[in-house]
Amino acid sequence: MEATLTAETLSHASRKLALRWRTPKSAAEHLEMSERTLERMRATGGGPRFSKCGRQIRYRDDWIDDWLEKRSFTSTRAARAANCP
């Protein structure tokens, strides 16, 4: 069976691709933190992975999710032991 590309399919695919990358503002909103905190984390290496091209900084949703997953704990003791801010 051959897949047919329709305007609706292409529109959905382009929306999915567009949502894959976030600006620092969008990433900070998603993480419920200030852009300044995210900027500090970029400078010190403590934040989510990011891409930079010239002055443009972008975060992929899956990189943000991975970063959050690595900071998932079942107790505050475990979080302290991992030395996670």
C-alpha atoms as a PDB file:
ATOM      1  CA  MET A   1       0.000   0.000   0.000  1.00  0.00           C
ATOM      2  CA  GLU A   2       1.469   3.340  -1.050  1.00  0.00           C
ATOM      3  CA  ALA A   3       1.346   6.312   1.321  1.00  0.00           C
ATOM      4  CA  THR A   4      -0.215   9.436  -0.110  1.00  0.00           C
ATOM      5  CA  LEU A   5       1.043  12.813   1.068  1.00  0.00           C
ATOM      6  CA  THR A   6      -1.773  15.273   1.512  1.00  0.00           C
ATOM      7  CA  ALA A   7      -1.713  18.911   2.547  1.00  0.00           C
ATOM      8  CA  GLU A   8      -2.966  17.817   5.975  1.00  0.00           C
ATOM      9  CA  THR A   9      -0.170  15.253   6.354  1.00  0.00           C
ATOM     10  CA  LEU A  10       2.473  17.764   5.284  1.00  0.00           C
ATOM     11  CA  SER A  11       1.012  20.403   7.593  1.00  0.00           C
ATOM     12  CA  HIS A  12       1.141  17.975  10.525  1.00  0.00           C
ATOM     13  CA  ALA A  13       4.717  16.987   9.671  1.00  0.00           C
ATOM     14  CA  SER A  14       5.873  20.601   9.451  1.00  0.00           C
ATOM     15  CA  ARG A  15       4.177  21.441  12.776  1.00  0.00           C
ATOM     16  CA  LYS A  16       5.870  18.452  14.384  1.00  0.00           C
ATOM     17  CA  LEU A  17       9.251  19.548  13.020  1.00  0.00           C
ATOM     18  CA  ALA A  18       8.676  23.156  14.123  1.00  0.00           C
ATOM     19  CA  LEU A  19       7.841  22.049  17.672  1.00  0.00           C
ATOM     20  CA  ARG A  20      10.949  19.923  17.905  1.00  0.00           C
ATOM     21  CA  TRP A  21      13.229  22.924  18.596  1.00  0.00           C
ATOM     22  CA  ARG A  22      12.684  25.596  21.270  1.00  0.00           C
ATOM     23  CA  THR A  23      14.097  29.057  21.762  1.00  0.00           C
ATOM     24  CA  PRO A  24      15.650  29.790  25.169  1.00  0.00           C
ATOM     25  CA  LYS A  25      12.459  31.656  26.111  1.00  0.00           C
ATOM     26  CA  SER A  26      10.244  28.725  25.144  1.00  0.00           C
ATOM     27  CA  ALA A  27      12.552  26.215  26.857  1.00  0.00           C
ATOM     28  CA  ALA A  28      12.598  28.293  30.047  1.00  0.00           C
ATOM     29  CA  GLU A  29       8.790  28.536  30.028  1.00  0.00           C
ATOM     30  CA  HIS A  30       8.544  24.787  29.467  1.00  0.00           C
ATOM     31  CA  LEU A  31      10.913  24.161  32.392  1.00  0.00           C
ATOM     32  CA  GLU A  32       9.162  26.809  34.519  1.00  0.00           C
ATOM     33  CA  MET A  33      12.373  28.732  35.176  1.00  0.00           C
ATOM     34  CA  SER A  34      13.709  32.108  34.106  1.00  0.00           C
ATOM     35  CA  GLU A  35      15.653  32.590  30.901  1.00  0.00           C
ATOM     36  CA  ARG A  36      18.499  33.951  33.043  1.00  0.00           C
ATOM     37  CA  THR A  37      18.671  30.698  35.032  1.00  0.00           C
ATOM     38  CA  LEU A  38      18.799  28.722  31.794  1.00  0.00           C
ATOM     39  CA  GLU A  39      21.528  31.060  30.511  1.00  0.00           C
ATOM     40  CA  ARG A  40      23.563  30.497  33.684  1.00  0.00           C
ATOM     41  CA  MET A  41      23.136  26.754  33.268  1.00  0.00           C
ATOM     42  CA  ARG A  42      24.464  26.980  29.695  1.00  0.00           C
ATOM     43  CA  ALA A  43      27.508  28.890  30.949  1.00  0.00           C
ATOM     44  CA  THR A  44      28.271  26.457  33.771  1.00  0.00           C
ATOM     45  CA  GLY A  45      27.293  23.261  31.975  1.00  0.00           C
ATOM     46  CA  GLY A  46      24.473  22.329  34.316  1.00  0.00           C
ATOM     47  CA  GLY A  47      21.504  22.709  31.966  1.00  0.00           C
ATOM     48  CA  PRO A  48      20.001  20.737  29.129  1.00  0.00           C
ATOM     49  CA  ARG A  49      21.955  20.135  25.955  1.00  0.00           C
ATOM     50  CA  PHE A  50      21.580  22.890  23.336  1.00  0.00           C
ATOM     51  CA  SER A  51      22.627  23.820  19.818  1.00  0.00           C
ATOM     52  CA  LYS A  52      24.181  27.105  18.805  1.00  0.00           C
ATOM     53  CA  CYS A  53      24.590  28.594  15.356  1.00  0.00           C
ATOM     54  CA  GLY A  54      25.984  32.102  15.518  1.00  0.00           C
ATOM     55  CA  ARG A  55      23.933  33.838  18.187  1.00  0.00           C
ATOM     56  CA  GLN A  56      20.968  31.512  17.807  1.00  0.00           C
ATOM     57  CA  ILE A  57      20.487  29.013  20.639  1.00  0.00           C
ATOM     58  CA  ARG A  58      17.953  26.213  20.401  1.00  0.00           C
ATOM     59  CA  TYR A  59      16.890  23.324  22.603  1.00  0.00           C
ATOM     60  CA  ARG A  60      15.390  20.128  21.266  1.00  0.00           C
ATOM     61  CA  ASP A  61      12.395  18.805  23.161  1.00  0.00           C
ATOM     62  CA  ASP A  62      13.968  15.360  23.493  1.00  0.00           C
ATOM     63  CA  TRP A  63      17.158  16.892  24.968  1.00  0.00           C
ATOM     64  CA  ILE A  64      15.072  18.738  27.548  1.00  0.00           C
ATOM     65  CA  ASP A  65      13.171  15.534  28.344  1.00  0.00           C
ATOM     66  CA  ASP A  66      16.438  13.572  28.714  1.00  0.00           C
ATOM     67  CA  TRP A  67      17.860  16.228  31.041  1.00  0.00           C
ATOM     68  CA  LEU A  68      14.718  16.123  33.186  1.00  0.00           C
ATOM     69  CA  GLU A  69      14.709  12.322  33.234  1.00  0.00           C
ATOM     70  CA  LYS A  70      18.282  12.261  34.536  1.00  0.00           C
ATOM     71  CA  ARG A  71      17.083  14.465  37.390  1.00  0.00           C
ATOM     72  CA  SER A  72      14.219  12.216  38.444  1.00  0.00           C
ATOM     73  CA  PHE A  73      14.489  10.826  41.952  1.00  0.00           C
ATOM     74  CA  THR A  74      12.308   8.979  44.416  1.00  0.00           C
ATOM     75  CA  SER A  75      13.585  10.888  47.435  1.00  0.00           C
ATOM     76  CA  THR A  76      15.356  14.121  48.343  1.00  0.00           C
ATOM     77  CA  ARG A  77      18.155  12.008  49.806  1.00  0.00           C
ATOM     78  CA  ALA A  78      18.764  10.431  46.401  1.00  0.00           C
ATOM     79  CA  ALA A  79      18.771  13.888  44.786  1.00  0.00           C
ATOM     80  CA  ARG A  80      21.304  15.164  47.327  1.00  0.00           C
ATOM     81  CA  ALA A  81      23.473  12.078  46.827  1.00  0.00           C
ATOM     82  CA  ALA A  82      23.492  12.766  43.082  1.00  0.00           C
ATOM     83  CA  ASN A  83      24.567  16.342  43.868  1.00  0.00           C
ATOM     84  CA  CYS A  84      21.818  17.641  41.616  1.00  0.00           C
ATOM     85  CA  PRO A  85      20.970  21.339  42.011  1.00  0.00           C
END
